[in-house]
């Protein structure tokens, strides 16, 4: 199993939105589950959502680590290493 080599990039962030996916809210879209970037705090929708904004944010910025922004979930994922953090 791969290990994340990007944990040093994780920051103490403030979510860009507490209401939902920042991009979906701006576009009038919908989401399934939410993810938060642990480098900048951007809240985006998961890959099960139509727009997949969390993955798009990674591709646009290179910010490697996100976490689930769902109540009761505490897992993290590194896009680069494709590994749990």
Protein backbone atom coordinates (compact mmCIF):
# COMPACT_ATOMS: atom_id res chain seq x y z
CA UNK A 1 0.00 0.00 0.00
CA UNK A 2 1.28 3.47 -0.89
CA UNK A 3 1.98 6.05 1.79
CA UNK A 4 1.28 9.74 1.48
CA UNK A 5 4.41 11.85 1.19
CA UNK A 6 2.49 15.15 1.24
CA UNK A 7 1.41 15.40 4.88
CA UNK A 8 3.75 18.38 5.36
CA UNK A 9 1.48 20.40 3.04
CA UNK A 10 -1.55 20.02 5.34
CA UNK A 11 -2.51 23.32 6.95
CA UNK A 12 -4.96 24.49 9.60
CA UNK A 13 -7.61 25.73 7.17
CA UNK A 14 -10.96 27.48 7.31
CA UNK A 15 -13.63 25.95 5.03
CA UNK A 16 -14.54 28.11 2.03
CA UNK A 17 -18.19 27.20 2.63
CA UNK A 18 -20.21 25.53 5.35
CA UNK A 19 -23.30 25.42 3.13
CA UNK A 20 -22.01 23.04 0.43
CA UNK A 21 -19.71 22.81 -2.57
CA UNK A 22 -18.42 26.33 -3.27
CA UNK A 23 -18.53 25.86 -7.05
CA UNK A 24 -21.92 24.11 -7.14
CA UNK A 25 -23.41 26.88 -5.01
CA UNK A 26 -22.05 29.50 -7.43
CA UNK A 27 -23.25 27.55 -10.51
CA UNK A 28 -26.56 26.32 -9.13
CA UNK A 29 -25.34 22.72 -9.28
CA UNK A 30 -25.85 19.78 -6.94
CA UNK A 31 -23.51 17.49 -5.05
CA UNK A 32 -23.51 14.09 -3.38
CA UNK A 33 -20.75 14.39 -0.75
CA UNK A 34 -18.36 17.17 0.22
CA UNK A 35 -14.56 17.29 0.46
CA UNK A 36 -12.29 19.98 1.91
CA UNK A 37 -8.82 20.81 0.61
CA UNK A 38 -6.38 20.64 3.51
CA UNK A 39 -4.01 23.13 1.89
CA UNK A 40 -6.43 26.04 1.32
CA UNK A 41 -9.85 25.04 2.75
CA UNK A 42 -11.73 24.92 -0.57
CA UNK A 43 -14.91 22.86 -0.18
CA UNK A 44 -15.79 20.86 -3.29
CA UNK A 45 -18.00 17.98 -4.29
CA UNK A 46 -16.84 14.36 -4.54
CA UNK A 47 -16.29 12.26 -7.66
CA UNK A 48 -19.79 10.77 -7.29
CA UNK A 49 -21.17 14.28 -7.87
CA UNK A 50 -21.85 15.48 -11.43
CA UNK A 51 -19.16 18.20 -11.47
CA UNK A 52 -16.44 16.51 -9.35
CA UNK A 53 -15.19 19.87 -8.10
CA UNK A 54 -12.83 18.49 -5.42
CA UNK A 55 -10.82 16.54 -8.02
CA UNK A 56 -10.95 19.52 -10.38
CA UNK A 57 -9.52 21.70 -7.60
CA UNK A 58 -6.61 19.28 -7.20
CA UNK A 59 -5.92 19.28 -10.96
CA UNK A 60 -6.05 23.09 -11.10
CA UNK A 61 -3.96 23.84 -8.00
CA UNK A 62 -1.90 20.73 -7.28
CA UNK A 63 -3.10 20.78 -3.67
CA UNK A 64 -2.63 17.09 -2.83
CA UNK A 65 -4.57 16.30 0.35
CA UNK A 66 -8.29 16.57 1.05
CA UNK A 67 -10.59 15.29 3.74
CA UNK A 68 -14.19 14.25 3.90
CA UNK A 69 -16.35 17.23 4.86
CA UNK A 70 -19.25 14.97 5.83
CA UNK A 71 -20.51 14.87 9.44
CA UNK A 72 -19.09 11.91 11.34
CA UNK A 73 -16.35 11.14 8.80
CA UNK A 74 -12.68 11.82 9.51
CA UNK A 75 -10.74 10.25 6.64
CA UNK A 76 -8.21 12.03 4.41
CA UNK A 77 -6.96 11.27 0.89
CA UNK A 78 -3.83 12.18 -1.05
CA UNK A 79 -4.55 12.60 -4.79
CA UNK A 80 -0.87 12.36 -5.75
CA UNK A 81 -0.01 9.17 -3.88
CA UNK A 82 -3.53 7.74 -4.19
CA UNK A 83 -3.36 6.83 -0.52
CA UNK A 84 -5.22 7.38 2.72
CA UNK A 85 -3.52 9.87 5.01
